[in-house]
Amino acid sequence: MEMIGILPGRFQPPHKGHLQAYGVVKQVVGPNNAYIATSAKTDNQKSPLNFQEKQQIWTKHGVPIDKIVKVVNP
């Protein structure tokens, strides 16, 4: 049985600690089975970044775009 790992969060914004946590998930389940789950929810105060903006930040730090998944409630 294959295991997958999911790092859920708002990621407003994604930062170095989030990237390190994703690295741990990759170590445990392997890079092909590690995913980031985040929503498209925004508001002016607490969650200013939309899904595409968060996705852009993650990919800038080497996370494959197909490993970043949009969910309703992370």
PDB file of N, CA and C in Angstrom:
ATOM      1  N   MET A   1       0.840  -1.170   0.000  1.00  0.00           N
ATOM      2  CA  MET A   1       0.000   0.000   0.000  1.00  0.00           C
ATOM      3  C   MET A   1       0.895   1.247   0.000  1.00  0.00           C
ATOM      4  N   GLU A   2       0.572   2.169  -0.867  1.00  0.00           N
ATOM      5  CA  GLU A   2       1.326   3.408  -0.968  1.00  0.00           C
ATOM      6  C   GLU A   2       0.706   4.480  -0.077  1.00  0.00           C
ATOM      7  N   MET A   3       1.554   5.271   0.542  1.00  0.00           N
ATOM      8  CA  MET A   3       1.088   6.321   1.439  1.00  0.00           C
ATOM      9  C   MET A   3       1.254   7.677   0.755  1.00  0.00           C
ATOM     10  N   ILE A   4       0.299   8.588   0.979  1.00  0.00           N
ATOM     11  CA  ILE A   4       0.450   9.955   0.502  1.00  0.00           C
ATOM     12  C   ILE A   4       0.512  10.879   1.717  1.00  0.00           C
ATOM     13  N   GLY A   5       1.140  12.031   1.522  1.00  0.00           N
ATOM     14  CA  GLY A   5       1.233  13.027   2.579  1.00  0.00           C
ATOM     15  C   GLY A   5       0.652  14.339   2.098  1.00  0.00           C
ATOM     16  N   ILE A   6      -0.125  14.982   2.953  1.00  0.00           N
ATOM     17  CA  ILE A   6      -0.766  16.245   2.593  1.00  0.00           C
ATOM     18  C   ILE A   6      -0.421  17.274   3.659  1.00  0.00           C
ATOM     19  N   LEU A   7       0.117  18.403   3.228  1.00  0.00           N
ATOM     20  CA  LEU A   7       0.382  19.529   4.117  1.00  0.00           C
ATOM     21  C   LEU A   7      -0.720  20.560   3.874  1.00  0.00           C
ATOM     22  N   PRO A   8      -1.714  20.629   4.765  1.00  0.00           N
ATOM     23  CA  PRO A   8      -2.810  21.580   4.576  1.00  0.00           C
ATOM     24  C   PRO A   8      -2.520  22.906   5.273  1.00  0.00           C
ATOM     25  N   GLY A   9      -3.076  23.988   4.725  1.00  0.00           N
ATOM     26  CA  GLY A   9      -2.943  25.267   5.405  1.00  0.00           C
ATOM     27  C   GLY A   9      -3.435  26.445   4.595  1.00  0.00           C
ATOM     28  N   ARG A  10      -3.546  27.601   5.281  1.00  0.00           N
ATOM     29  CA  ARG A  10      -3.931  28.838   4.599  1.00  0.00           C
ATOM     30  C   ARG A  10      -2.753  29.398   3.811  1.00  0.00           C
ATOM     31  N   PHE A  11      -1.555  29.329   4.375  1.00  0.00           N
ATOM     32  CA  PHE A  11      -0.327  29.800   3.727  1.00  0.00           C
ATOM     33  C   PHE A  11      -0.448  31.250   3.258  1.00  0.00           C
ATOM     34  N   GLN A  12      -0.649  32.139   4.212  1.00  0.00           N
ATOM     35  CA  GLN A  12      -0.852  33.566   3.944  1.00  0.00           C
ATOM     36  C   GLN A  12       0.269  34.407   4.549  1.00  0.00           C
ATOM     37  N   PRO A  13       1.432  34.438   3.984  1.00  0.00           N
ATOM     38  CA  PRO A  13       1.911  33.747   2.780  1.00  0.00           C
ATOM     39  C   PRO A  13       2.663  32.468   3.145  1.00  0.00           C
ATOM     40  N   PRO A  14       2.941  31.644   2.123  1.00  0.00           N
ATOM     41  CA  PRO A  14       3.829  30.513   2.358  1.00  0.00           C
ATOM     42  C   PRO A  14       5.199  31.063   2.768  1.00  0.00           C
ATOM     43  N   HIS A  15       5.827  30.443   3.761  1.00  0.00           N
ATOM     44  CA  HIS A  15       7.142  30.930   4.201  1.00  0.00           C
ATOM     45  C   HIS A  15       8.097  29.755   4.401  1.00  0.00           C
ATOM     46  N   LYS A  16       9.294  30.081   4.828  1.00  0.00           N
ATOM     47  CA  LYS A  16      10.370  29.107   4.980  1.00  0.00           C
ATOM     48  C   LYS A  16       9.969  27.920   5.873  1.00  0.00           C
ATOM     49  N   GLY A  17       9.257  28.184   6.946  1.00  0.00           N
ATOM     50  CA  GLY A  17       8.808  27.104   7.829  1.00  0.00           C
ATOM     51  C   GLY A  17       7.855  26.151   7.132  1.00  0.00           C
ATOM     52  N   HIS A  18       6.961  26.702   6.302  1.00  0.00           N
ATOM     53  CA  HIS A  18       6.046  25.856   5.531  1.00  0.00           C
ATOM     54  C   HIS A  18       6.844  24.981   4.556  1.00  0.00           C
ATOM     55  N   LEU A  19       7.846  25.585   3.908  1.00  0.00           N
ATOM     56  CA  LEU A  19       8.667  24.842   2.952  1.00  0.00           C
ATOM     57  C   LEU A  19       9.419  23.714   3.662  1.00  0.00           C
ATOM     58  N   GLN A  20       9.909  23.975   4.865  1.00  0.00           N
ATOM     59  CA  GLN A  20      10.595  22.938   5.632  1.00  0.00           C
ATOM     60  C   GLN A  20       9.625  21.818   6.004  1.00  0.00           C
ATOM     61  N   ALA A  21       8.407  22.175   6.391  1.00  0.00           N
ATOM     62  CA  ALA A  21       7.402  21.163   6.729  1.00  0.00           C
ATOM     63  C   ALA A  21       7.084  20.301   5.501  1.00  0.00           C
ATOM     64  N   TYR A  22       6.979  20.925   4.339  1.00  0.00           N
ATOM     65  CA  TYR A  22       6.744  20.176   3.106  1.00  0.00           C
ATOM     66  C   TYR A  22       7.913  19.227   2.846  1.00  0.00           C
ATOM     67  N   GLY A  23       9.127  19.673   3.145  1.00  0.00           N
ATOM     68  CA  GLY A  23      10.301  18.819   2.986  1.00  0.00           C
ATOM     69  C   GLY A  23      10.221  17.575   3.859  1.00  0.00           C
ATOM     70  N   VAL A  24       9.714  17.714   5.064  1.00  0.00           N
ATOM     71  CA  VAL A  24       9.545  16.567   5.956  1.00  0.00           C
ATOM     72  C   VAL A  24       8.508  15.600   5.376  1.00  0.00           C
ATOM     73  N   VAL A  25       7.403  16.147   4.878  1.00  0.00           N
ATOM     74  CA  VAL A  25       6.374  15.297   4.257  1.00  0.00           C
ATOM     75  C   VAL A  25       6.995  14.517   3.097  1.00  0.00           C
ATOM     76  N   LYS A  26       7.790  15.186   2.273  1.00  0.00           N
ATOM     77  CA  LYS A  26       8.448  14.513   1.144  1.00  0.00           C
ATOM     78  C   LYS A  26       9.382  13.401   1.611  1.00  0.00           C
ATOM     79  N   GLN A  27      10.096  13.639   2.707  1.00  0.00           N
ATOM     80  CA  GLN A  27      11.005  12.611   3.235  1.00  0.00           C
ATOM     81  C   GLN A  27      10.231  11.375   3.686  1.00  0.00           C
ATOM     82  N   VAL A  28       9.082  11.584   4.278  1.00  0.00           N
ATOM     83  CA  VAL A  28       8.301  10.476   4.823  1.00  0.00           C
ATOM     84  C   VAL A  28       7.625   9.669   3.721  1.00  0.00           C
ATOM     85  N   VAL A  29       7.001  10.344   2.757  1.00  0.00           N
ATOM     86  CA  VAL A  29       6.194   9.630   1.746  1.00  0.00           C
ATOM     87  C   VAL A  29       6.821   9.607   0.357  1.00  0.00           C
ATOM     88  N   GLY A  30       7.903  10.349   0.166  1.00  0.00           N
ATOM     89  CA  GLY A  30       8.534  10.449  -1.149  1.00  0.00           C
ATOM     90  C   GLY A  30       7.982  11.628  -1.924  1.00  0.00           C
ATOM     91  N   PRO A  31       8.786  12.193  -2.818  1.00  0.00           N
ATOM     92  CA  PRO A  31       8.376  13.402  -3.543  1.00  0.00           C
ATOM     93  C   PRO A  31       7.176  13.226  -4.463  1.00  0.00           C
ATOM     94  N   ASN A  32       6.945  12.021  -4.932  1.00  0.00           N
ATOM     95  CA  ASN A  32       5.798  11.787  -5.821  1.00  0.00           C
ATOM     96  C   ASN A  32       4.477  11.709  -5.081  1.00  0.00           C
ATOM     97  N   ASN A  33       4.526  11.568  -3.762  1.00  0.00           N
ATOM     98  CA  ASN A  33       3.305  11.378  -2.975  1.00  0.00           C
ATOM     99  C   ASN A  33       3.069  12.499  -1.969  1.00  0.00           C
ATOM    100  N   ALA A  34       3.791  13.604  -2.091  1.00  0.00           N
ATOM    101  CA  ALA A  34       3.662  14.724  -1.159  1.00  0.00           C
ATOM    102  C   ALA A  34       2.891  15.863  -1.825  1.00  0.00           C
ATOM    103  N   TYR A  35       1.868  16.367  -1.123  1.00  0.00           N
ATOM    104  CA  TYR A  35       0.999  17.405  -1.661  1.00  0.00           C
ATOM    105  C   TYR A  35       0.804  18.546  -0.678  1.00  0.00           C
ATOM    106  N   ILE A  36       0.522  19.711  -1.228  1.00  0.00           N
ATOM    107  CA  ILE A  36       0.141  20.888  -0.453  1.00  0.00           C
ATOM    108  C   ILE A  36      -1.326  21.153  -0.767  1.00  0.00           C
ATOM    109  N   ALA A  37      -2.140  21.341   0.266  1.00  0.00           N
ATOM    110  CA  ALA A  37      -3.568  21.616   0.092  1.00  0.00           C
ATOM    111  C   ALA A  37      -3.874  22.991   0.664  1.00  0.00           C
ATOM    112  N   THR A  38      -4.442  23.860  -0.162  1.00  0.00           N
ATOM    113  CA  THR A  38      -4.803  25.205   0.284  1.00  0.00           C
ATOM    114  C   THR A  38      -6.038  25.669  -0.474  1.00  0.00           C
ATOM    115  N   SER A  39      -6.693  26.680   0.061  1.00  0.00           N
ATOM    116  CA  SER A  39      -7.950  27.127  -0.546  1.00  0.00           C
ATOM    117  C   SER A  39      -7.745  28.385  -1.393  1.00  0.00           C
ATOM    118  N   ALA A  40      -8.820  28.786  -2.038  1.00  0.00           N
ATOM    119  CA  ALA A  40      -8.829  30.018  -2.825  1.00  0.00           C
ATOM    120  C   ALA A  40      -9.487  31.155  -2.049  1.00  0.00           C
ATOM    121  N   LYS A  41      -9.870  30.886  -0.796  1.00  0.00           N
ATOM    122  CA  LYS A  41     -10.563  31.889   0.013  1.00  0.00           C
ATOM    123  C   LYS A  41      -9.663  33.091   0.273  1.00  0.00           C
ATOM    124  N   THR A  42     -10.233  34.273   0.102  1.00  0.00           N
ATOM    125  CA  THR A  42      -9.487  35.505   0.373  1.00  0.00           C
ATOM    126  C   THR A  42     -10.355  36.456   1.183  1.00  0.00           C
ATOM    127  N   ASP A  43      -9.696  37.343   1.889  1.00  0.00           N
ATOM    128  CA  ASP A  43     -10.330  38.507   2.494  1.00  0.00           C
ATOM    129  C   ASP A  43      -9.249  39.571   2.604  1.00  0.00           C
ATOM    130  N   ASN A  44      -9.625  40.796   2.826  1.00  0.00           N
ATOM    131  CA  ASN A  44      -8.664  41.897   2.791  1.00  0.00           C
ATOM    132  C   ASN A  44      -7.684  41.882   3.951  1.00  0.00           C
ATOM    133  N   GLN A  45      -8.053  41.323   5.073  1.00  0.00           N
ATOM    134  CA  GLN A  45      -7.222  41.381   6.272  1.00  0.00           C
ATOM    135  C   GLN A  45      -6.375  40.128   6.491  1.00  0.00           C
ATOM    136  N   LYS A  46      -7.055  39.038   6.731  1.00  0.00           N
ATOM    137  CA  LYS A  46      -6.396  37.830   7.194  1.00  0.00           C
ATOM    138  C   LYS A  46      -5.845  36.946   6.069  1.00  0.00           C
ATOM    139  N   SER A  47      -6.478  36.963   4.919  1.00  0.00           N
ATOM    140  CA  SER A  47      -6.109  36.069   3.814  1.00  0.00           C
ATOM    141  C   SER A  47      -6.096  36.818   2.486  1.00  0.00           C
ATOM    142  N   PRO A  48      -5.105  37.669   2.267  1.00  0.00           N
ATOM    143  CA  PRO A  48      -5.108  38.481   1.048  1.00  0.00           C
ATOM    144  C   PRO A  48      -4.703  37.731  -0.231  1.00  0.00           C
ATOM    145  N   LEU A  49      -3.981  36.614  -0.107  1.00  0.00           N
ATOM    146  CA  LEU A  49      -3.491  35.921  -1.299  1.00  0.00           C
ATOM    147  C   LEU A  49      -4.518  34.915  -1.821  1.00  0.00           C
ATOM    148  N   ASN A  50      -4.739  34.927  -3.133  1.00  0.00           N
ATOM    149  CA  ASN A  50      -5.619  33.933  -3.734  1.00  0.00           C
ATOM    150  C   ASN A  50      -4.825  32.662  -4.043  1.00  0.00           C
ATOM    151  N   PHE A  51      -5.498  31.645  -4.521  1.00  0.00           N
ATOM    152  CA  PHE A  51      -4.842  30.360  -4.772  1.00  0.00           C
ATOM    153  C   PHE A  51      -3.689  30.499  -5.763  1.00  0.00           C
ATOM    154  N   GLN A  52      -3.906  31.214  -6.850  1.00  0.00           N
ATOM    155  CA  GLN A  52      -2.872  31.345  -7.873  1.00  0.00           C
ATOM    156  C   GLN A  52      -1.626  32.048  -7.331  1.00  0.00           C
ATOM    157  N   GLU A  53      -1.829  33.046  -6.481  1.00  0.00           N
ATOM    158  CA  GLU A  53      -0.681  33.745  -5.888  1.00  0.00           C
ATOM    159  C   GLU A  53       0.110  32.821  -4.960  1.00  0.00           C
ATOM    160  N   LYS A  54      -0.596  32.040  -4.168  1.00  0.00           N
ATOM    161  CA  LYS A  54       0.088  31.084  -3.288  1.00  0.00           C
ATOM    162  C   LYS A  54       0.797  30.015  -4.112  1.00  0.00           C
ATOM    163  N   GLN A  55       0.139  29.549  -5.152  1.00  0.00           N
ATOM    164  CA  GLN A  55       0.723  28.550  -6.039  1.00  0.00           C
ATOM    165  C   GLN A  55       2.017  29.085  -6.669  1.00  0.00           C
ATOM    166  N   GLN A  56       1.996  30.337  -7.072  1.00  0.00           N
ATOM    167  CA  GLN A  56       3.177  30.964  -7.677  1.00  0.00           C
ATOM    168  C   GLN A  56       4.344  31.011  -6.678  1.00  0.00           C
ATOM    169  N   ILE A  57       4.063  31.338  -5.437  1.00  0.00           N
ATOM    170  CA  ILE A  57       5.114  31.391  -4.416  1.00  0.00           C
ATOM    171  C   ILE A  57       5.693  29.992  -4.184  1.00  0.00           C
ATOM    172  N   TRP A  58       4.827  28.995  -4.031  1.00  0.00           N
ATOM    173  CA  TRP A  58       5.307  27.632  -3.810  1.00  0.00           C
ATOM    174  C   TRP A  58       6.172  27.151  -4.971  1.00  0.00           C
ATOM    175  N   THR A  59       5.736  27.383  -6.197  1.00  0.00           N
ATOM    176  CA  THR A  59       6.507  26.892  -7.348  1.00  0.00           C
ATOM    177  C   THR A  59       7.834  27.629  -7.475  1.00  0.00           C
ATOM    178  N   LYS A  60       7.861  28.887  -7.057  1.00  0.00           N
ATOM    179  CA  LYS A  60       9.113  29.649  -7.068  1.00  0.00           C
ATOM    180  C   LYS A  60      10.164  28.987  -6.167  1.00  0.00           C
ATOM    181  N   HIS A  61       9.694  28.257  -5.164  1.00  0.00           N
ATOM    182  CA  HIS A  61      10.584  27.572  -4.226  1.00  0.00           C
ATOM    183  C   HIS A  61      10.761  26.091  -4.552  1.00  0.00           C
ATOM    184  N   GLY A  62      10.396  25.706  -5.768  1.00  0.00           N
ATOM    185  CA  GLY A  62      10.691  24.365  -6.244  1.00  0.00           C
ATOM    186  C   GLY A  62       9.618  23.308  -6.071  1.00  0.00           C
ATOM    187  N   VAL A  63       8.449  23.697  -5.598  1.00  0.00           N
ATOM    188  CA  VAL A  63       7.365  22.717  -5.457  1.00  0.00           C
ATOM    189  C   VAL A  63       6.684  22.564  -6.819  1.00  0.00           C
ATOM    190  N   PRO A  64       6.586  21.350  -7.332  1.00  0.00           N
ATOM    191  CA  PRO A  64       5.924  21.150  -8.626  1.00  0.00           C
ATOM    192  C   PRO A  64       4.465  21.610  -8.575  1.00  0.00           C
ATOM    193  N   ILE A  65       4.030  22.270  -9.634  1.00  0.00           N
ATOM    194  CA  ILE A  65       2.676  22.837  -9.676  1.00  0.00           C
ATOM    195  C   ILE A  65       1.604  21.769  -9.496  1.00  0.00           C
ATOM    196  N   ASP A  66       1.864  20.546  -9.951  1.00  0.00           N
ATOM    197  CA  ASP A  66       0.852  19.491  -9.822  1.00  0.00           C
ATOM    198  C   ASP A  66       0.771  18.925  -8.397  1.00  0.00           C
ATOM    199  N   LYS A  67       1.613  19.393  -7.504  1.00  0.00           N
ATOM    200  CA  LYS A  67       1.579  18.953  -6.106  1.00  0.00           C
ATOM    201  C   LYS A  67       0.876  19.974  -5.200  1.00  0.00           C
ATOM    202  N   ILE A  68       0.359  21.044  -5.792  1.00  0.00           N
ATOM    203  CA  ILE A  68      -0.359  22.084  -5.047  1.00  0.00           C
ATOM    204  C   ILE A  68      -1.833  21.968  -5.439  1.00  0.00           C
ATOM    205  N   VAL A  69      -2.653  21.598  -4.491  1.00  0.00           N
ATOM    206  CA  VAL A  69      -4.048  21.270  -4.767  1.00  0.00           C
ATOM    207  C   VAL A  69      -4.978  22.286  -4.099  1.00  0.00           C
ATOM    208  N   LYS A  70      -5.967  22.760  -4.890  1.00  0.00           N
ATOM    209  CA  LYS A  70      -6.973  23.677  -4.343  1.00  0.00           C
ATOM    210  C   LYS A  70      -8.067  22.875  -3.667  1.00  0.00           C
ATOM    211  N   VAL A  71      -8.351  23.228  -2.421  1.00  0.00           N
ATOM    212  CA  VAL A  71      -9.398  22.556  -1.651  1.00  0.00           C
ATOM    213  C   VAL A  71     -10.356  23.612  -1.089  1.00  0.00           C
ATOM    214  N   VAL A  72     -11.524  23.167  -0.666  1.00  0.00           N
ATOM    215  CA  VAL A  72     -12.506  24.088  -0.102  1.00  0.00           C
ATOM    216  C   VAL A  72     -12.110  24.516   1.312  1.00  0.00           C
ATOM    217  N   ASN A  73     -11.669  23.541   2.114  1.00  0.00           N
ATOM    218  CA  ASN A  73     -11.340  23.823   3.504  1.00  0.00           C
ATOM    219  C   ASN A  73     -10.099  23.029   3.908  1.00  0.00           C
ATOM    220  N   PRO A  74      -8.920  23.682   3.907  1.00  0.00           N
ATOM    221  CA  PRO A  74      -7.699  22.929   4.241  1.00  0.00           C
ATOM    222  C   PRO A  74      -7.645  22.602   5.721  1.00  0.00           C
TER     223      PRO A  74
END
